[in-house]
Amino acid sequence: MTEEIQESLNDQIGKNLIFTDLEALQQQSIENFPKIAEIKIEKDYPDKLIINFKEFESAANIINVTNNINKSYIINEIGFVIRED
């Protein structure tokens, strides 16, 4: 997940931190990654963004057997499928 978030913020590379809208970046990250419960992005002058985030906890493993096909789903605490096998 860390690498995915970093990649999504690659467009910030080379931009001036003074003009970086942290609230917009945080909102964008929450919208793009429904697994994220909380995220905080901070400026570390002169040239870094510090990203701290917390994912929703896994809450259930659902196994669906239909016509001899087994599907397994890991569900997080808000009902989002975080892994499918």
Protein backbone atom coordinates (compact mmCIF):
# COMPACT_ATOMS: atom_id res chain seq x y z
CA MET A 1 0.00 0.00 0.00
CA THR A 2 2.85 2.40 0.81
CA GLU A 3 4.30 2.12 -2.69
CA GLU A 4 0.87 2.64 -4.27
CA ILE A 5 0.33 5.85 -2.30
CA GLN A 6 3.81 7.11 -3.18
CA GLU A 7 3.20 6.40 -6.87
CA SER A 8 -0.11 8.28 -6.76
CA LEU A 9 1.74 11.34 -5.45
CA ASN A 10 4.53 11.22 -8.06
CA ASP A 11 3.03 14.26 -9.79
CA GLN A 12 4.19 16.30 -6.79
CA ILE A 13 7.87 15.62 -7.58
CA GLY A 14 9.61 18.83 -8.52
CA LYS A 15 6.78 21.07 -7.34
CA ASN A 16 7.25 23.82 -4.79
CA LEU A 17 6.10 22.66 -1.33
CA ILE A 18 4.88 26.13 -0.44
CA PHE A 19 2.07 25.81 -2.99
CA THR A 20 1.22 22.17 -2.19
CA ASP A 21 -2.35 21.76 -0.94
CA LEU A 22 -2.06 19.06 1.72
CA GLU A 23 -5.80 18.81 2.34
CA ALA A 24 -6.42 18.17 -1.36
CA LEU A 25 -3.70 15.49 -1.44
CA GLN A 26 -5.16 13.79 1.63
CA GLN A 27 -8.67 13.84 0.16
CA GLN A 28 -7.38 12.52 -3.18
CA SER A 29 -5.61 9.67 -1.38
CA ILE A 30 -8.72 8.70 0.59
CA GLU A 31 -10.82 8.72 -2.60
CA ASN A 32 -8.26 6.67 -4.55
CA PHE A 33 -7.57 4.15 -1.78
CA PRO A 34 -10.74 3.04 0.03
CA LYS A 35 -8.58 0.82 2.28
CA ILE A 36 -7.26 3.93 4.04
CA ALA A 37 -9.00 4.86 7.29
CA GLU A 38 -6.82 7.90 8.04
CA ILE A 39 -4.03 9.73 6.27
CA LYS A 40 -1.87 12.67 7.26
CA ILE A 41 0.51 14.33 4.84
CA GLU A 42 2.99 16.88 6.18
CA LYS A 43 5.58 19.12 4.58
CA ASP A 44 9.20 18.54 5.56
CA TYR A 45 11.08 21.50 4.12
CA PRO A 46 12.87 21.94 1.88
CA ASP A 47 11.88 19.05 -0.35
CA LYS A 48 9.88 16.22 1.29
CA LEU A 49 6.36 15.12 2.04
CA ILE A 50 5.87 12.90 5.08
CA ILE A 51 2.96 10.48 4.67
CA ASN A 52 1.41 8.59 7.59
CA PHE A 53 -1.67 6.46 7.11
CA LYS A 54 -3.76 3.80 8.79
CA GLU A 55 -5.68 1.11 6.95
CA PHE A 56 -9.04 -0.25 8.04
CA GLU A 57 -8.69 -3.53 9.94
CA SER A 58 -9.66 -6.85 8.34
CA ALA A 59 -12.95 -7.97 9.83
CA ALA A 60 -14.14 -11.11 8.04
CA ASN A 61 -13.18 -13.91 5.70
CA ILE A 62 -16.16 -14.87 3.54
CA ILE A 63 -16.05 -18.10 1.54
CA ASN A 64 -18.59 -18.54 -1.24
CA VAL A 65 -19.00 -22.00 -2.77
CA THR A 66 -21.09 -22.08 -5.96
CA ASN A 67 -21.10 -24.84 -8.58
CA ASN A 68 -17.83 -26.27 -7.22
CA ILE A 69 -16.16 -22.84 -7.45
CA ASN A 70 -14.68 -21.57 -4.20
CA LYS A 71 -14.23 -17.83 -3.81
CA SER A 72 -12.74 -16.27 -0.70
CA TYR A 73 -13.10 -12.61 0.23
CA ILE A 74 -11.35 -10.67 2.99
CA ILE A 75 -13.61 -7.84 4.15
CA ASN A 76 -12.46 -4.82 6.16
CA GLU A 77 -14.32 -3.23 9.06
CA ILE A 78 -16.45 -1.02 6.79
CA GLY A 79 -17.40 -3.84 4.39
CA PHE A 80 -14.91 -3.16 1.59
CA VAL A 81 -13.38 -6.22 -0.11
CA ILE A 82 -9.64 -5.86 0.39
CA ARG A 83 -8.61 -9.21 -1.12
CA GLU A 84 -10.25 -11.77 -3.34
CA ASP A 85 -8.91 -15.27 -4.01
